Amino acid sequence: MKKNIRVLMILIPVFVFSFCLDSFAQRGMRWKGSGGWGMRSQYCRMFNPNTVETIKGVVTGIEKFYPMRGMSYGVHLIVKTEKETISVHLGPAWFVENQDVKIGTGDKVEVKGSRIIFKGKPTIIAMEVKKEDGILKLRDERGVPLWAAWRRYQ
């Protein structure tokens, strides 16, 4: 009987802690480690699998940006295609900067992602960015960010 009580005394705080973290993520709030990039945040829910397309172009700029209030900064590319110059959102800087594939200004890229309107301008939230020497994977086919699982193992 005492053993069961000890197990409950350990499990109850774990469940309460998990609930609190999930609650922060749902509201897109910032807590240490998340930066508001959780799967349930308002920003991450903007990805629409029904608007996925592929573009090709040249990277003319790489910038930091804050998608929404309370979020840590992310990385986006400015890509010039034959038709337009468009912002391509990659993801949180802490994730993008720790990947093996590095994207630089002047790189020819092929971007697969969801076209959205962000702050009144056409934008692509990238799933993957291909360049000559590799592929930077950012989301799965459903739009689930790879950093959601990656962060758990760091």
N, C-alpha and C. Protein backbone atom coordinates (compact mmCIF):
# COMPACT_ATOMS: atom_id res chain seq x y z
N MET A 1 0.82 -1.20 0.00
CA MET A 1 0.00 0.00 0.00
C MET A 1 0.86 1.27 0.00
N LYS A 2 1.91 1.26 0.84
CA LYS A 2 2.80 2.43 0.89
C LYS A 2 3.49 2.65 -0.45
N LYS A 3 3.78 1.56 -1.14
CA LYS A 3 4.43 1.67 -2.45
C LYS A 3 3.52 2.37 -3.45
N ASN A 4 2.23 2.06 -3.42
CA ASN A 4 1.26 2.70 -4.32
C ASN A 4 1.14 4.19 -4.02
N ILE A 5 1.17 4.55 -2.76
CA ILE A 5 1.09 5.97 -2.38
C ILE A 5 2.32 6.71 -2.86
N ARG A 6 3.49 6.10 -2.75
CA ARG A 6 4.73 6.74 -3.23
C ARG A 6 4.67 6.97 -4.74
N VAL A 7 4.17 5.98 -5.46
CA VAL A 7 4.06 6.11 -6.91
C VAL A 7 3.11 7.26 -7.25
N LEU A 8 1.99 7.34 -6.57
CA LEU A 8 1.04 8.43 -6.81
C LEU A 8 1.65 9.79 -6.46
N MET A 9 2.43 9.84 -5.40
CA MET A 9 3.07 11.09 -4.99
C MET A 9 4.07 11.57 -6.05
N ILE A 10 4.61 10.67 -6.82
CA ILE A 10 5.53 11.03 -7.90
C ILE A 10 4.76 11.38 -9.16
N LEU A 11 3.75 10.60 -9.50
CA LEU A 11 3.02 10.79 -10.75
C LEU A 11 2.15 12.04 -10.77
N ILE A 12 1.53 12.38 -9.66
CA ILE A 12 0.64 13.54 -9.64
C ILE A 12 1.39 14.82 -10.00
N PRO A 13 2.54 15.14 -9.41
CA PRO A 13 3.26 16.36 -9.83
C PRO A 13 3.70 16.31 -11.30
N VAL A 14 4.04 15.14 -11.79
CA VAL A 14 4.46 15.02 -13.19
C VAL A 14 3.29 15.38 -14.10
N PHE A 15 2.09 14.87 -13.80
CA PHE A 15 0.92 15.19 -14.63
C PHE A 15 0.57 16.67 -14.54
N VAL A 16 0.65 17.24 -13.35
CA VAL A 16 0.35 18.67 -13.18
C VAL A 16 1.34 19.51 -13.98
N PHE A 17 2.63 19.17 -13.88
CA PHE A 17 3.66 19.89 -14.64
C PHE A 17 3.41 19.78 -16.14
N SER A 18 3.10 18.59 -16.62
CA SER A 18 2.82 18.37 -18.06
C SER A 18 1.63 19.20 -18.51
N PHE A 19 0.58 19.24 -17.70
CA PHE A 19 -0.60 20.03 -18.03
C PHE A 19 -0.25 21.50 -18.15
N CYS A 20 0.55 22.01 -17.23
CA CYS A 20 0.94 23.42 -17.26
C CYS A 20 1.74 23.74 -18.52
N LEU A 21 2.67 22.88 -18.89
CA LEU A 21 3.47 23.12 -20.09
C LEU A 21 2.59 23.11 -21.33
N ASP A 22 1.66 22.16 -21.39
CA ASP A 22 0.76 22.08 -22.54
C ASP A 22 -0.11 23.32 -22.61
N SER A 23 -0.53 23.83 -21.47
CA SER A 23 -1.34 25.02 -21.43
C SER A 23 -0.58 26.23 -21.97
N PHE A 24 0.70 26.37 -21.58
CA PHE A 24 1.52 27.45 -22.13
C PHE A 24 1.66 27.31 -23.63
N ALA A 25 1.90 26.13 -24.13
CA ALA A 25 2.10 25.90 -25.57
C ALA A 25 0.84 26.22 -26.34
N GLN A 26 -0.32 25.87 -25.80
CA GLN A 26 -1.58 26.14 -26.49
C GLN A 26 -1.82 27.62 -26.67
N ARG A 27 -1.41 28.40 -25.69
CA ARG A 27 -1.62 29.84 -25.77
C ARG A 27 -0.49 30.54 -26.49
N GLY A 28 0.53 29.78 -26.92
CA GLY A 28 1.66 30.39 -27.60
C GLY A 28 2.51 31.20 -26.67
N MET A 29 2.40 30.95 -25.36
CA MET A 29 3.15 31.72 -24.39
C MET A 29 4.60 31.26 -24.36
N ARG A 30 5.42 32.13 -23.91
CA ARG A 30 6.84 31.84 -23.87
C ARG A 30 7.23 31.27 -22.51
N TRP A 31 7.85 30.14 -22.52
CA TRP A 31 8.45 29.57 -21.32
C TRP A 31 9.82 29.12 -21.71
N LYS A 32 10.69 29.00 -20.75
CA LYS A 32 12.09 28.68 -21.05
C LYS A 32 12.18 27.45 -21.95
N GLY A 33 12.81 27.61 -23.11
CA GLY A 33 13.01 26.49 -24.02
C GLY A 33 12.05 26.49 -25.19
N SER A 34 10.87 27.05 -25.06
CA SER A 34 9.91 26.97 -26.16
C SER A 34 9.99 28.17 -27.08
N GLY A 35 10.05 29.34 -26.50
CA GLY A 35 10.07 30.56 -27.30
C GLY A 35 8.79 30.79 -28.07
N GLY A 36 7.70 30.06 -27.70
CA GLY A 36 6.42 30.23 -28.38
C GLY A 36 6.29 29.48 -29.68
N TRP A 37 7.21 28.60 -29.98
CA TRP A 37 7.21 27.86 -31.24
C TRP A 37 6.52 26.50 -31.13
N GLY A 38 5.75 26.29 -30.07
CA GLY A 38 5.07 25.01 -29.88
C GLY A 38 4.06 24.74 -30.98
N MET A 39 3.79 23.46 -31.21
CA MET A 39 2.90 23.04 -32.29
C MET A 39 1.53 23.68 -32.21
N ARG A 40 1.06 23.97 -31.02
CA ARG A 40 -0.28 24.53 -30.88
C ARG A 40 -0.30 26.05 -30.85
N SER A 41 0.85 26.67 -31.05
CA SER A 41 0.87 28.14 -31.03
C SER A 41 0.12 28.67 -32.24
N GLN A 42 -0.35 29.89 -32.11
CA GLN A 42 -1.10 30.53 -33.19
C GLN A 42 -0.26 30.58 -34.47
N TYR A 43 1.02 30.89 -34.33
CA TYR A 43 1.88 30.98 -35.50
C TYR A 43 2.02 29.62 -36.19
N CYS A 44 2.34 28.58 -35.44
CA CYS A 44 2.56 27.26 -36.06
C CYS A 44 1.29 26.70 -36.69
N ARG A 45 0.14 27.12 -36.19
CA ARG A 45 -1.12 26.66 -36.79
C ARG A 45 -1.44 27.36 -38.11
N MET A 46 -0.64 28.36 -38.49
CA MET A 46 -0.86 29.04 -39.77
C MET A 46 -0.48 28.15 -40.95
N PHE A 47 0.40 27.17 -40.71
CA PHE A 47 0.79 26.25 -41.78
C PHE A 47 -0.44 25.52 -42.26
N ASN A 48 -0.66 25.51 -43.60
CA ASN A 48 -1.84 24.86 -44.17
C ASN A 48 -1.38 23.83 -45.20
N PRO A 49 -1.53 22.53 -44.92
CA PRO A 49 -1.09 21.50 -45.87
C PRO A 49 -1.78 21.61 -47.24
N ASN A 50 -2.93 22.29 -47.29
CA ASN A 50 -3.66 22.43 -48.56
C ASN A 50 -3.07 23.51 -49.47
N THR A 51 -2.15 24.31 -48.95
CA THR A 51 -1.56 25.38 -49.78
C THR A 51 -0.07 25.13 -50.04
N VAL A 52 0.35 23.87 -49.92
CA VAL A 52 1.77 23.54 -50.13
C VAL A 52 2.11 23.66 -51.61
N GLU A 53 3.24 24.29 -51.88
CA GLU A 53 3.75 24.43 -53.23
C GLU A 53 5.27 24.40 -53.19
N THR A 54 5.88 24.32 -54.36
CA THR A 54 7.33 24.33 -54.47
C THR A 54 7.76 25.50 -55.33
N ILE A 55 8.74 26.25 -54.85
CA ILE A 55 9.29 27.37 -55.62
C ILE A 55 10.79 27.15 -55.77
N LYS A 56 11.36 27.77 -56.80
CA LYS A 56 12.81 27.74 -57.01
C LYS A 56 13.29 29.17 -57.15
N GLY A 57 14.46 29.43 -56.58
CA GLY A 57 14.99 30.77 -56.69
C GLY A 57 16.35 30.90 -56.04
N VAL A 58 16.77 32.14 -55.85
CA VAL A 58 18.07 32.46 -55.27
C VAL A 58 17.84 33.22 -53.97
N VAL A 59 18.58 32.85 -52.94
CA VAL A 59 18.49 33.53 -51.65
C VAL A 59 19.20 34.88 -51.77
N THR A 60 18.42 35.95 -51.56
CA THR A 60 19.00 37.29 -51.63
C THR A 60 19.21 37.89 -50.24
N GLY A 61 18.67 37.23 -49.22
CA GLY A 61 18.84 37.73 -47.87
C GLY A 61 18.45 36.69 -46.83
N ILE A 62 19.04 36.81 -45.66
CA ILE A 62 18.71 35.96 -44.52
C ILE A 62 18.56 36.89 -43.33
N GLU A 63 17.41 36.79 -42.67
CA GLU A 63 17.12 37.73 -41.58
C GLU A 63 16.51 37.02 -40.39
N LYS A 64 16.67 37.65 -39.24
CA LYS A 64 15.96 37.22 -38.03
C LYS A 64 14.61 37.92 -38.04
N PHE A 65 13.61 37.27 -37.45
CA PHE A 65 12.30 37.91 -37.33
C PHE A 65 11.58 37.36 -36.11
N TYR A 66 10.68 38.15 -35.59
CA TYR A 66 9.83 37.75 -34.47
C TYR A 66 8.43 37.57 -35.04
N PRO A 67 7.98 36.32 -35.21
CA PRO A 67 6.68 36.09 -35.85
C PRO A 67 5.51 36.74 -35.12
N MET A 68 5.49 36.58 -33.80
CA MET A 68 4.38 37.11 -33.01
C MET A 68 4.91 37.52 -31.64
N ARG A 69 4.16 38.34 -30.99
CA ARG A 69 4.53 38.82 -29.66
C ARG A 69 4.76 37.63 -28.72
N GLY A 70 5.85 37.71 -27.97
CA GLY A 70 6.15 36.67 -26.99
C GLY A 70 6.95 35.50 -27.53
N MET A 71 7.24 35.49 -28.84
CA MET A 71 7.99 34.39 -29.43
C MET A 71 9.47 34.76 -29.51
N SER A 72 10.32 33.75 -29.38
CA SER A 72 11.74 33.98 -29.63
C SER A 72 11.92 34.17 -31.13
N TYR A 73 13.08 34.68 -31.53
CA TYR A 73 13.24 35.00 -32.94
C TYR A 73 13.43 33.76 -33.80
N GLY A 74 13.03 33.93 -35.05
CA GLY A 74 13.17 32.87 -36.05
C GLY A 74 14.06 33.35 -37.18
N VAL A 75 14.22 32.49 -38.18
CA VAL A 75 15.04 32.81 -39.35
C VAL A 75 14.14 32.74 -40.58
N HIS A 76 14.27 33.76 -41.43
CA HIS A 76 13.58 33.68 -42.71
C HIS A 76 14.51 34.10 -43.83
N LEU A 77 14.24 33.53 -44.99
CA LEU A 77 15.01 33.82 -46.19
C LEU A 77 14.21 34.77 -47.07
N ILE A 78 14.90 35.59 -47.83
CA ILE A 78 14.29 36.34 -48.91
C ILE A 78 14.72 35.61 -50.18
N VAL A 79 13.74 35.07 -50.91
CA VAL A 79 14.04 34.28 -52.11
C VAL A 79 13.47 34.97 -53.33
N LYS A 80 14.33 35.18 -54.32
CA LYS A 80 13.92 35.80 -55.59
C LYS A 80 13.69 34.68 -56.60
N THR A 81 12.45 34.56 -57.08
CA THR A 81 12.11 33.58 -58.11
C THR A 81 11.94 34.33 -59.43
N GLU A 82 11.54 33.62 -60.47
CA GLU A 82 11.28 34.29 -61.75
C GLU A 82 10.07 35.21 -61.66
N LYS A 83 9.12 34.88 -60.76
CA LYS A 83 7.87 35.63 -60.66
C LYS A 83 7.81 36.67 -59.56
N GLU A 84 8.57 36.43 -58.46
CA GLU A 84 8.40 37.29 -57.29
C GLU A 84 9.61 37.19 -56.36
N THR A 85 9.63 38.08 -55.39
CA THR A 85 10.56 37.98 -54.27
C THR A 85 9.69 37.72 -53.06
N ILE A 86 9.98 36.63 -52.33
CA ILE A 86 9.09 36.21 -51.26
C ILE A 86 9.87 35.83 -50.00
N SER A 87 9.25 36.08 -48.86
CA SER A 87 9.82 35.69 -47.58
C SER A 87 9.51 34.21 -47.34
N VAL A 88 10.53 33.47 -46.91
CA VAL A 88 10.38 32.05 -46.59
C VAL A 88 10.75 31.85 -45.13
N HIS A 89 9.76 31.54 -44.32
CA HIS A 89 10.00 31.32 -42.89
C HIS A 89 10.52 29.90 -42.68
N LEU A 90 11.66 29.80 -41.99
CA LEU A 90 12.26 28.49 -41.73
C LEU A 90 11.83 27.93 -40.39
N GLY A 91 12.00 28.68 -39.33
CA GLY A 91 11.65 28.21 -37.99
C GLY A 91 12.46 28.93 -36.95
N PRO A 92 12.43 28.43 -35.71
CA PRO A 92 13.16 29.10 -34.64
C PRO A 92 14.66 29.04 -34.87
N ALA A 93 15.32 30.13 -34.57
CA ALA A 93 16.77 30.21 -34.81
C ALA A 93 17.53 29.11 -34.10
N TRP A 94 17.15 28.78 -32.87
CA TRP A 94 17.87 27.75 -32.11
C TRP A 94 17.83 26.40 -32.82
N PHE A 95 16.80 26.15 -33.63
CA PHE A 95 16.71 24.90 -34.38
C PHE A 95 17.48 25.02 -35.69
N VAL A 96 17.19 26.06 -36.46
CA VAL A 96 17.79 26.23 -37.78
C VAL A 96 19.31 26.32 -37.68
N GLU A 97 19.81 27.05 -36.71
CA GLU A 97 21.26 27.24 -36.58
C GLU A 97 22.00 25.99 -36.12
N ASN A 98 21.28 24.98 -35.66
CA ASN A 98 21.91 23.74 -35.20
C ASN A 98 21.77 22.59 -36.20
N GLN A 99 21.38 22.89 -37.43
CA GLN A 99 21.26 21.86 -38.46
C GLN A 99 22.55 21.78 -39.28
N ASP A 100 22.77 20.63 -39.89
CA ASP A 100 23.97 20.42 -40.70
C ASP A 100 23.95 21.22 -42.00
N VAL A 101 22.78 21.34 -42.62
CA VAL A 101 22.67 22.07 -43.88
C VAL A 101 22.54 23.56 -43.58
N LYS A 102 23.44 24.33 -44.13
CA LYS A 102 23.44 25.78 -43.94
C LYS A 102 23.05 26.46 -45.24
N ILE A 103 22.16 27.43 -45.15
CA ILE A 103 21.72 28.19 -46.31
C ILE A 103 22.39 29.56 -46.25
N GLY A 104 22.90 30.01 -47.39
CA GLY A 104 23.58 31.29 -47.44
C GLY A 104 23.06 32.17 -48.56
N THR A 105 23.37 33.44 -48.48
CA THR A 105 23.01 34.39 -49.53
C THR A 105 23.69 33.95 -50.83
N GLY A 106 22.93 33.97 -51.91
CA GLY A 106 23.44 33.55 -53.21
C GLY A 106 23.17 32.08 -53.53
N ASP A 107 22.74 31.31 -52.55
CA ASP A 107 22.42 29.89 -52.80
C ASP A 107 21.19 29.76 -53.68
N LYS A 108 21.26 28.83 -54.63
CA LYS A 108 20.08 28.46 -55.41
C LYS A 108 19.34 27.41 -54.61
N VAL A 109 18.04 27.65 -54.37
CA VAL A 109 17.27 26.77 -53.52
C VAL A 109 15.95 26.36 -54.17
N GLU A 110 15.44 25.24 -53.70
CA GLU A 110 14.09 24.79 -54.02
C GLU A 110 13.38 24.65 -52.69
N VAL A 111 12.30 25.39 -52.52
CA VAL A 111 11.58 25.44 -51.24
C VAL A 111 10.21 24.80 -51.41
N LYS A 112 9.91 23.87 -50.52
CA LYS A 112 8.57 23.27 -50.45
C LYS A 112 7.95 23.77 -49.16
N GLY A 113 6.76 24.37 -49.28
CA GLY A 113 6.12 24.89 -48.08
C GLY A 113 4.72 25.40 -48.34
N SER A 114 4.11 25.89 -47.27
CA SER A 114 2.74 26.38 -47.30
C SER A 114 2.72 27.88 -47.57
N ARG A 115 2.02 28.27 -48.62
CA ARG A 115 1.89 29.70 -48.94
C ARG A 115 0.77 30.27 -48.09
N ILE A 116 1.10 31.33 -47.37
CA ILE A 116 0.13 32.01 -46.52
C ILE A 116 0.27 33.51 -46.74
N ILE A 117 -0.63 34.25 -46.13
CA ILE A 117 -0.48 35.71 -46.06
C ILE A 117 -0.07 36.00 -44.62
N PHE A 118 1.09 36.61 -44.45
CA PHE A 118 1.63 36.92 -43.13
C PHE A 118 1.86 38.41 -43.04
N LYS A 119 1.16 39.05 -42.13
CA LYS A 119 1.24 40.50 -41.96
C LYS A 119 1.01 41.22 -43.29
N GLY A 120 0.02 40.72 -44.03
CA GLY A 120 -0.40 41.34 -45.28
C GLY A 120 0.43 41.02 -46.50
N LYS A 121 1.44 40.14 -46.38
CA LYS A 121 2.31 39.84 -47.51
C LYS A 121 2.37 38.33 -47.77
N PRO A 122 2.49 37.93 -49.04
CA PRO A 122 2.65 36.51 -49.33
C PRO A 122 3.94 35.99 -48.69
N THR A 123 3.83 34.83 -48.07
CA THR A 123 4.94 34.23 -47.34
C THR A 123 4.83 32.72 -47.49
N ILE A 124 5.96 32.04 -47.42
CA ILE A 124 5.94 30.58 -47.42
C ILE A 124 6.53 30.10 -46.10
N ILE A 125 5.78 29.24 -45.41
CA ILE A 125 6.30 28.57 -44.23
C ILE A 125 6.89 27.26 -44.73
N ALA A 126 8.21 27.16 -44.67
CA ALA A 126 8.93 26.06 -45.32
C ALA A 126 8.79 24.73 -44.59
N MET A 127 8.65 23.68 -45.40
CA MET A 127 8.73 22.30 -44.92
C MET A 127 10.16 21.80 -45.10
N GLU A 128 10.73 22.16 -46.26
CA GLU A 128 12.11 21.79 -46.53
C GLU A 128 12.70 22.75 -47.55
N VAL A 129 14.02 22.89 -47.46
CA VAL A 129 14.75 23.73 -48.40
C VAL A 129 15.87 22.87 -48.97
N LYS A 130 15.82 22.66 -50.31
CA LYS A 130 16.87 21.88 -50.97
C LYS A 130 17.87 22.84 -51.59
N LYS A 131 19.13 22.48 -51.45
CA LYS A 131 20.18 23.18 -52.17
C LYS A 131 21.15 22.12 -52.68
N GLU A 132 22.13 22.53 -53.42
CA GLU A 132 23.03 21.59 -54.09
C GLU A 132 23.59 20.51 -53.18
N ASP A 133 23.98 20.88 -51.96
CA ASP A 133 24.67 19.91 -51.10
C ASP A 133 23.82 19.33 -49.97
N GLY A 134 22.50 19.49 -50.03
CA GLY A 134 21.69 18.88 -49.00
C GLY A 134 20.28 19.42 -48.91
N ILE A 135 19.55 18.88 -47.94
CA ILE A 135 18.17 19.27 -47.69
C ILE A 135 18.02 19.67 -46.23
N LEU A 136 17.50 20.86 -46.01
CA LEU A 136 17.18 21.33 -44.67
C LEU A 136 15.72 20.98 -44.43
N LYS A 137 15.47 19.98 -43.59
CA LYS A 137 14.10 19.54 -43.29
C LYS A 137 13.61 20.28 -42.06
N LEU A 138 12.37 20.81 -42.17
CA LEU A 138 11.82 21.64 -41.11
C LEU A 138 10.47 21.14 -40.58
N ARG A 139 9.66 20.56 -41.44
CA ARG A 139 8.33 20.06 -41.05
C ARG A 139 8.05 18.77 -41.79
N ASP A 140 7.13 17.98 -41.22
CA ASP A 140 6.72 16.76 -41.92
C ASP A 140 5.59 17.09 -42.89
N GLU A 141 5.04 16.09 -43.55
CA GLU A 141 4.00 16.30 -44.57
C GLU A 141 2.73 16.92 -44.02
N ARG A 142 2.47 16.75 -42.74
CA ARG A 142 1.28 17.35 -42.12
C ARG A 142 1.55 18.75 -41.60
N GLY A 143 2.81 19.17 -41.67
CA GLY A 143 3.18 20.49 -41.19
C GLY A 143 3.67 20.51 -39.75
N VAL A 144 3.83 19.34 -39.16
CA VAL A 144 4.32 19.28 -37.78
C VAL A 144 5.79 19.65 -37.77
N PRO A 145 6.17 20.66 -36.98
CA PRO A 145 7.57 21.09 -36.94
C PRO A 145 8.48 20.00 -36.40
N LEU A 146 9.61 19.78 -37.06
CA LEU A 146 10.56 18.79 -36.59
C LEU A 146 11.20 19.20 -35.28
N TRP A 147 11.23 20.49 -34.99
CA TRP A 147 11.82 20.93 -33.72
C TRP A 147 10.96 20.51 -32.53
N ALA A 148 9.69 20.18 -32.76
CA ALA A 148 8.84 19.74 -31.66
C ALA A 148 9.37 18.43 -31.08
N ALA A 149 9.84 17.53 -31.92
CA ALA A 149 10.40 16.26 -31.45
C ALA A 149 11.89 16.40 -31.17
N TRP A 150 12.60 17.19 -31.97
CA TRP A 150 14.05 17.34 -31.85
C TRP A 150 14.42 17.88 -30.47
N ARG A 151 13.67 18.83 -29.99
CA ARG A 151 13.99 19.49 -28.72
C ARG A 151 13.96 18.49 -27.56
N ARG A 152 13.11 17.48 -27.64
CA ARG A 152 13.00 16.50 -26.55
C ARG A 152 14.27 15.71 -26.35
N TYR A 153 15.07 15.55 -27.40
CA TYR A 153 16.25 14.71 -27.32
C TYR A 153 17.53 15.48 -27.11
N GLN A 154 17.44 16.79 -26.91
CA GLN A 154 18.64 17.61 -26.73
C GLN A 154 18.99 17.74 -25.27
